Amino acid sequence: VAANFRDAAKEIATAFEQKTGHEAVMG
């Protein structure tokens, strides 16, 4: 993930896991 998108990506990852059960690990 590009650095500018850090906060949005973290929030999206949380919503993604809550909806699908899948985990998105960010770098």
PDB file of all heavy atoms in Angstrom:
ATOM      1  N   VAL A   1       0.833  -1.207   0.000  1.00  0.00           N
ATOM      2  CA  VAL A   1       0.000   0.000   0.000  1.00  0.00           C
ATOM      3  C   VAL A   1       0.866   1.254   0.000  1.00  0.00           C
ATOM      4  O   VAL A   1       1.759   1.407   0.843  1.00  0.00           O
ATOM      5  CB  VAL A   1      -0.923   0.022   1.245  1.00  0.00           C
ATOM      6  CG1 VAL A   1      -1.841   1.245   1.203  1.00  0.00           C
ATOM      7  CG2 VAL A   1      -1.741  -1.257   1.331  1.00  0.00           C
ATOM      8  N   ALA A   2       0.591   2.160  -0.919  1.00  0.00           N
ATOM      9  CA  ALA A   2       1.286   3.447  -0.955  1.00  0.00           C
ATOM     10  C   ALA A   2       1.064   4.194   0.357  1.00  0.00           C
ATOM     11  O   ALA A   2      -0.034   4.166   0.932  1.00  0.00           O
ATOM     12  CB  ALA A   2       0.786   4.286  -2.124  1.00  0.00           C
ATOM     13  N   ALA A   3       2.100   4.877   0.830  1.00  0.00           N
ATOM     14  CA  ALA A   3       2.085   5.475   2.167  1.00  0.00           C
ATOM     15  C   ALA A   3       0.937   6.452   2.373  1.00  0.00           C
ATOM     16  O   ALA A   3       0.381   6.546   3.476  1.00  0.00           O
ATOM     17  CB  ALA A   3       3.419   6.175   2.429  1.00  0.00           C
ATOM     18  N   ASN A   4       0.538   7.187   1.341  1.00  0.00           N
ATOM     19  CA  ASN A   4      -0.530   8.174   1.506  1.00  0.00           C
ATOM     20  C   ASN A   4      -1.863   7.526   1.862  1.00  0.00           C
ATOM     21  O   ASN A   4      -2.738   8.170   2.420  1.00  0.00           O
ATOM     22  CB  ASN A   4      -0.691   9.009   0.238  1.00  0.00           C
ATOM     23  CG  ASN A   4      -1.376   8.223  -0.879  1.00  0.00           C
ATOM     24  OD1 ASN A   4      -2.593   8.236  -1.023  1.00  0.00           O
ATOM     25  ND2 ASN A   4      -0.593   7.512  -1.669  1.00  0.00           N
ATOM     26  N   PHE A   5      -2.004   6.241   1.523  1.00  0.00           N
ATOM     27  CA  PHE A   5      -3.288   5.548   1.680  1.00  0.00           C
ATOM     28  C   PHE A   5      -3.337   4.741   2.979  1.00  0.00           C
ATOM     29  O   PHE A   5      -4.267   3.961   3.193  1.00  0.00           O
ATOM     30  CB  PHE A   5      -3.515   4.635   0.464  1.00  0.00           C
ATOM     31  CG  PHE A   5      -4.949   4.260   0.215  1.00  0.00           C
ATOM     32  CD1 PHE A   5      -5.888   5.225  -0.110  1.00  0.00           C
ATOM     33  CD2 PHE A   5      -5.361   2.941   0.296  1.00  0.00           C
ATOM     34  CE1 PHE A   5      -7.219   4.882  -0.336  1.00  0.00           C
ATOM     35  CE2 PHE A   5      -6.688   2.586   0.071  1.00  0.00           C
ATOM     36  CZ  PHE A   5      -7.625   3.558  -0.249  1.00  0.00           C
ATOM     37  N   ARG A   6      -2.368   4.926   3.863  1.00  0.00           N
ATOM     38  CA  ARG A   6      -2.232   4.113   5.069  1.00  0.00           C
ATOM     39  C   ARG A   6      -3.524   4.070   5.909  1.00  0.00           C
ATOM     40  O   ARG A   6      -4.034   2.980   6.221  1.00  0.00           O
ATOM     41  CB  ARG A   6      -1.092   4.658   5.936  1.00  0.00           C
ATOM     42  CG  ARG A   6      -0.930   3.940   7.271  1.00  0.00           C
ATOM     43  CD  ARG A   6       0.086   4.643   8.148  1.00  0.00           C
ATOM     44  NE  ARG A   6       1.412   4.626   7.549  1.00  0.00           N
ATOM     45  CZ  ARG A   6       2.343   3.703   7.809  1.00  0.00           C
ATOM     46  NH1 ARG A   6       2.084   2.741   8.684  1.00  0.00           N
ATOM     47  NH2 ARG A   6       3.519   3.766   7.222  1.00  0.00           N
ATOM     48  N   ASP A   7      -4.025   5.222   6.313  1.00  0.00           N
ATOM     49  CA  ASP A   7      -5.174   5.249   7.221  1.00  0.00           C
ATOM     50  C   ASP A   7      -6.424   4.672   6.566  1.00  0.00           C
ATOM     51  O   ASP A   7      -7.170   3.903   7.188  1.00  0.00           O
ATOM     52  CB  ASP A   7      -5.435   6.666   7.711  1.00  0.00           C
ATOM     53  CG  ASP A   7      -4.315   7.182   8.607  1.00  0.00           C
ATOM     54  OD1 ASP A   7      -3.558   6.357   9.151  1.00  0.00           O
ATOM     55  OD2 ASP A   7      -4.200   8.409   8.758  1.00  0.00           O
ATOM     56  N   ALA A   8      -6.666   5.060   5.319  1.00  0.00           N
ATOM     57  CA  ALA A   8      -7.833   4.539   4.606  1.00  0.00           C
ATOM     58  C   ALA A   8      -7.720   3.027   4.426  1.00  0.00           C
ATOM     59  O   ALA A   8      -8.698   2.296   4.600  1.00  0.00           O
ATOM     60  CB  ALA A   8      -7.966   5.233   3.248  1.00  0.00           C
ATOM     61  N   ALA A   9      -6.514   2.547   4.090  1.00  0.00           N
ATOM     62  CA  ALA A   9      -6.315   1.113   3.865  1.00  0.00           C
ATOM     63  C   ALA A   9      -6.570   0.306   5.128  1.00  0.00           C
ATOM     64  O   ALA A   9      -7.170  -0.771   5.085  1.00  0.00           O
ATOM     65  CB  ALA A   9      -4.905   0.858   3.350  1.00  0.00           C
ATOM     66  N   LYS A  10      -6.110   0.809   6.265  1.00  0.00           N
ATOM     67  CA  LYS A  10      -6.333   0.107   7.534  1.00  0.00           C
ATOM     68  C   LYS A  10      -7.830  -0.008   7.823  1.00  0.00           C
ATOM     69  O   LYS A  10      -8.320  -1.054   8.273  1.00  0.00           O
ATOM     70  CB  LYS A  10      -5.626   0.840   8.668  1.00  0.00           C
ATOM     71  CG  LYS A  10      -4.116   0.690   8.660  1.00  0.00           C
ATOM     72  CD  LYS A  10      -3.502   1.431   9.840  1.00  0.00           C
ATOM     73  CE  LYS A  10      -1.997   1.225   9.904  1.00  0.00           C
ATOM     74  NZ  LYS A  10      -1.380   1.943  11.047  1.00  0.00           N
ATOM     75  N   GLU A  11      -8.558   1.070   7.572  1.00  0.00           N
ATOM     76  CA  GLU A  11      -9.999   1.045   7.817  1.00  0.00           C
ATOM     77  C   GLU A  11     -10.704   0.101   6.854  1.00  0.00           C
ATOM     78  O   GLU A  11     -11.634  -0.622   7.232  1.00  0.00           O
ATOM     79  CB  GLU A  11     -10.552   2.471   7.704  1.00  0.00           C
ATOM     80  CG  GLU A  11     -11.942   2.629   8.279  1.00  0.00           C
ATOM     81  CD  GLU A  11     -12.352   4.088   8.427  1.00  0.00           C
ATOM     82  OE1 GLU A  11     -11.482   4.955   8.651  1.00  0.00           O
ATOM     83  OE2 GLU A  11     -13.573   4.351   8.326  1.00  0.00           O
ATOM     84  N   ILE A  12     -10.260   0.114   5.599  1.00  0.00           N
ATOM     85  CA  ILE A  12     -10.842  -0.790   4.597  1.00  0.00           C
ATOM     86  C   ILE A  12     -10.561  -2.243   4.970  1.00  0.00           C
ATOM     87  O   ILE A  12     -11.433  -3.112   4.851  1.00  0.00           O
ATOM     88  CB  ILE A  12     -10.289  -0.461   3.197  1.00  0.00           C
ATOM     89  CG1 ILE A  12     -10.885   0.866   2.700  1.00  0.00           C
ATOM     90  CG2 ILE A  12     -10.612  -1.585   2.200  1.00  0.00           C
ATOM     91  CD1 ILE A  12     -10.221   1.415   1.453  1.00  0.00           C
ATOM     92  N   ALA A  13      -9.357  -2.528   5.438  1.00  0.00           N
ATOM     93  CA  ALA A  13      -9.003  -3.898   5.824  1.00  0.00           C
ATOM     94  C   ALA A  13      -9.899  -4.396   6.951  1.00  0.00           C
ATOM     95  O   ALA A  13     -10.330  -5.561   6.959  1.00  0.00           O
ATOM     96  CB  ALA A  13      -7.539  -3.962   6.240  1.00  0.00           C
ATOM     97  N   THR A  14     -10.198  -3.521   7.913  1.00  0.00           N
ATOM     98  CA  THR A  14     -11.080  -3.895   9.015  1.00  0.00           C
ATOM     99  C   THR A  14     -12.483  -4.206   8.505  1.00  0.00           C
ATOM    100  O   THR A  14     -13.090  -5.221   8.880  1.00  0.00           O
ATOM    101  CB  THR A  14     -11.139  -2.770  10.063  1.00  0.00           C
ATOM    102  OG1 THR A  14      -9.827  -2.567  10.600  1.00  0.00           O
ATOM    103  CG2 THR A  14     -12.095  -3.118  11.191  1.00  0.00           C
ATOM    104  N   ALA A  15     -13.009  -3.337   7.641  1.00  0.00           N
ATOM    105  CA  ALA A  15     -14.346  -3.546   7.079  1.00  0.00           C
ATOM    106  C   ALA A  15     -14.385  -4.799   6.216  1.00  0.00           C
ATOM    107  O   ALA A  15     -15.376  -5.554   6.237  1.00  0.00           O
ATOM    108  CB  ALA A  15     -14.757  -2.317   6.258  1.00  0.00           C
ATOM    109  N   PHE A  16     -13.305  -5.039   5.482  1.00  0.00           N
ATOM    110  CA  PHE A  16     -13.202  -6.221   4.617  1.00  0.00           C
ATOM    111  C   PHE A  16     -13.271  -7.500   5.456  1.00  0.00           C
ATOM    112  O   PHE A  16     -13.996  -8.445   5.115  1.00  0.00           O
ATOM    113  CB  PHE A  16     -11.887  -6.139   3.838  1.00  0.00           C
ATOM    114  CG  PHE A  16     -11.544  -7.361   3.036  1.00  0.00           C
ATOM    115  CD1 PHE A  16     -12.316  -7.746   1.958  1.00  0.00           C
ATOM    116  CD2 PHE A  16     -10.408  -8.108   3.350  1.00  0.00           C
ATOM    117  CE1 PHE A  16     -11.978  -8.869   1.205  1.00  0.00           C
ATOM    118  CE2 PHE A  16     -10.061  -9.226   2.606  1.00  0.00           C
ATOM    119  CZ  PHE A  16     -10.852  -9.608   1.533  1.00  0.00           C
ATOM    120  N   GLU A  17     -12.536  -7.530   6.545  1.00  0.00           N
ATOM    121  CA  GLU A  17     -12.526  -8.727   7.393  1.00  0.00           C
ATOM    122  C   GLU A  17     -13.885  -8.940   8.050  1.00  0.00           C
ATOM    123  O   GLU A  17     -14.368 -10.073   8.151  1.00  0.00           O
ATOM    124  CB  GLU A  17     -11.436  -8.631   8.447  1.00  0.00           C
ATOM    125  CG  GLU A  17     -11.294  -9.895   9.277  1.00  0.00           C
ATOM    126  CD  GLU A  17     -10.037  -9.923  10.121  1.00  0.00           C
ATOM    127  OE1 GLU A  17      -9.308  -8.915  10.148  1.00  0.00           O
ATOM    128  OE2 GLU A  17      -9.792 -10.963  10.756  1.00  0.00           O
ATOM    129  N   GLN A  18     -14.502  -7.853   8.484  1.00  0.00           N
ATOM    130  CA  GLN A  18     -15.812  -7.973   9.115  1.00  0.00           C
ATOM    131  C   GLN A  18     -16.857  -8.515   8.149  1.00  0.00           C
ATOM    132  O   GLN A  18     -17.736  -9.300   8.543  1.00  0.00           O
ATOM    133  CB  GLN A  18     -16.257  -6.602   9.647  1.00  0.00           C
ATOM    134  CG  GLN A  18     -15.470  -6.125  10.861  1.00  0.00           C
ATOM    135  CD  GLN A  18     -15.810  -4.701  11.268  1.00  0.00           C
ATOM    136  OE1 GLN A  18     -16.449  -3.956  10.513  1.00  0.00           O
ATOM    137  NE2 GLN A  18     -15.387  -4.313  12.460  1.00  0.00           N
ATOM    138  N   LYS A  19     -16.743  -8.137   6.872  1.00  0.00           N
ATOM    139  CA  LYS A  19     -17.750  -8.556   5.904  1.00  0.00           C
ATOM    140  C   LYS A  19     -17.478  -9.944   5.337  1.00  0.00           C
ATOM    141  O   LYS A  19     -18.416 -10.725   5.117  1.00  0.00           O
ATOM    142  CB  LYS A  19     -17.838  -7.547   4.753  1.00  0.00           C
ATOM    143  CG  LYS A  19     -18.898  -7.921   3.721  1.00  0.00           C
ATOM    144  CD  LYS A  19     -19.144  -6.819   2.721  1.00  0.00           C
ATOM    145  CE  LYS A  19     -20.266  -7.222   1.767  1.00  0.00           C
ATOM    146  NZ  LYS A  19     -20.566  -6.155   0.791  1.00  0.00           N
ATOM    147  N   THR A  20     -16.201 -10.259   5.080  1.00  0.00           N
ATOM    148  CA  THR A  20     -15.883 -11.493   4.347  1.00  0.00           C
ATOM    149  C   THR A  20     -15.215 -12.569   5.195  1.00  0.00           C
ATOM    150  O   THR A  20     -15.165 -13.722   4.784  1.00  0.00           O
ATOM    151  CB  THR A  20     -14.953 -11.185   3.158  1.00  0.00           C
ATOM    152  OG1 THR A  20     -13.666 -10.792   3.662  1.00  0.00           O
ATOM    153  CG2 THR A  20     -15.522 -10.077   2.277  1.00  0.00           C
ATOM    154  N   GLY A  21     -14.648 -12.181   6.330  1.00  0.00           N
ATOM    155  CA  GLY A  21     -13.876 -13.129   7.118  1.00  0.00           C
ATOM    156  C   GLY A  21     -12.428 -13.227   6.690  1.00  0.00           C
ATOM    157  O   GLY A  21     -11.600 -13.777   7.406  1.00  0.00           O
ATOM    158  N   HIS A  22     -12.090 -12.661   5.517  1.00  0.00           N
ATOM    159  CA  HIS A  22     -10.716 -12.673   5.020  1.00  0.00           C
ATOM    160  C   HIS A  22      -9.880 -11.604   5.737  1.00  0.00           C
ATOM    161  O   HIS A  22     -10.385 -10.533   6.076  1.00  0.00           O
ATOM    162  CB  HIS A  22     -10.672 -12.375   3.518  1.00  0.00           C
ATOM    163  CG  HIS A  22     -11.345 -13.415   2.681  1.00  0.00           C
ATOM    164  ND1 HIS A  22     -11.074 -14.756   2.780  1.00  0.00           N
ATOM    165  CD2 HIS A  22     -12.262 -13.290   1.681  1.00  0.00           C
ATOM    166  CE1 HIS A  22     -11.796 -15.419   1.891  1.00  0.00           C
ATOM    167  NE2 HIS A  22     -12.533 -14.555   1.218  1.00  0.00           N
ATOM    168  N   GLU A  23      -8.601 -11.874   5.899  1.00  0.00           N
ATOM    169  CA  GLU A  23      -7.676 -10.917   6.500  1.00  0.00           C
ATOM    170  C   GLU A  23      -6.803 -10.288   5.418  1.00  0.00           C
ATOM    171  O   GLU A  23      -6.255 -10.994   4.569  1.00  0.00           O
ATOM    172  CB  GLU A  23      -6.782 -11.620   7.522  1.00  0.00           C
ATOM    173  CG  GLU A  23      -5.793 -10.691   8.206  1.00  0.00           C
ATOM    174  CD  GLU A  23      -4.836 -11.427   9.125  1.00  0.00           C
ATOM    175  OE1 GLU A  23      -4.776 -12.676   9.065  1.00  0.00           O
ATOM    176  OE2 GLU A  23      -4.119 -10.744   9.896  1.00  0.00           O
ATOM    177  N   ALA A  24      -6.675  -8.965   5.445  1.00  0.00           N
ATOM    178  CA  ALA A  24      -5.770  -8.251   4.540  1.00  0.00           C
ATOM    179  C   ALA A  24      -4.637  -7.667   5.365  1.00  0.00           C
ATOM    180  O   ALA A  24      -4.859  -6.778   6.190  1.00  0.00           O
ATOM    181  CB  ALA A  24      -6.514  -7.148   3.793  1.00  0.00           C
ATOM    182  N   VAL A  25      -3.421  -8.166   5.156  1.00  0.00           N
ATOM    183  CA  VAL A  25      -2.237  -7.702   5.873  1.00  0.00           C
ATOM    184  C   VAL A  25      -1.559  -6.640   5.017  1.00  0.00           C
ATOM    185  O   VAL A  25      -1.279  -6.875   3.830  1.00  0.00           O
ATOM    186  CB  VAL A  25      -1.267  -8.863   6.148  1.00  0.00           C
ATOM    187  CG1 VAL A  25      -0.015  -8.365   6.859  1.00  0.00           C
ATOM    188  CG2 VAL A  25      -1.960  -9.940   6.977  1.00  0.00           C
ATOM    189  N   MET A  26      -1.303  -5.471   5.590  1.00  0.00           N
ATOM    190  CA  MET A  26      -0.802  -4.330   4.835  1.00  0.00           C
ATOM    191  C   MET A  26       0.690  -4.086   5.051  1.00  0.00           C
ATOM    192  O   MET A  26       1.186  -4.195   6.172  1.00  0.00           O
ATOM    193  CB  MET A  26      -1.565  -3.055   5.239  1.00  0.00           C
ATOM    194  CG  MET A  26      -3.075  -3.160   5.151  1.00  0.00           C
ATOM    195  SD  MET A  26      -3.617  -3.152   3.432  1.00  0.00           S
ATOM    196  CE  MET A  26      -5.389  -3.327   3.623  1.00  0.00           C
ATOM    197  N   GLY A  27       1.370  -3.732   3.968  1.00  0.00           N
ATOM    198  CA  GLY A  27       2.742  -3.247   4.043  1.00  0.00           C
ATOM    199  C   GLY A  27       2.789  -1.880   3.397  1.00  0.00           C
ATOM    200  O   GLY A  27       2.260  -1.693   2.291  1.00  0.00           O
TER     201      GLY A  27
END
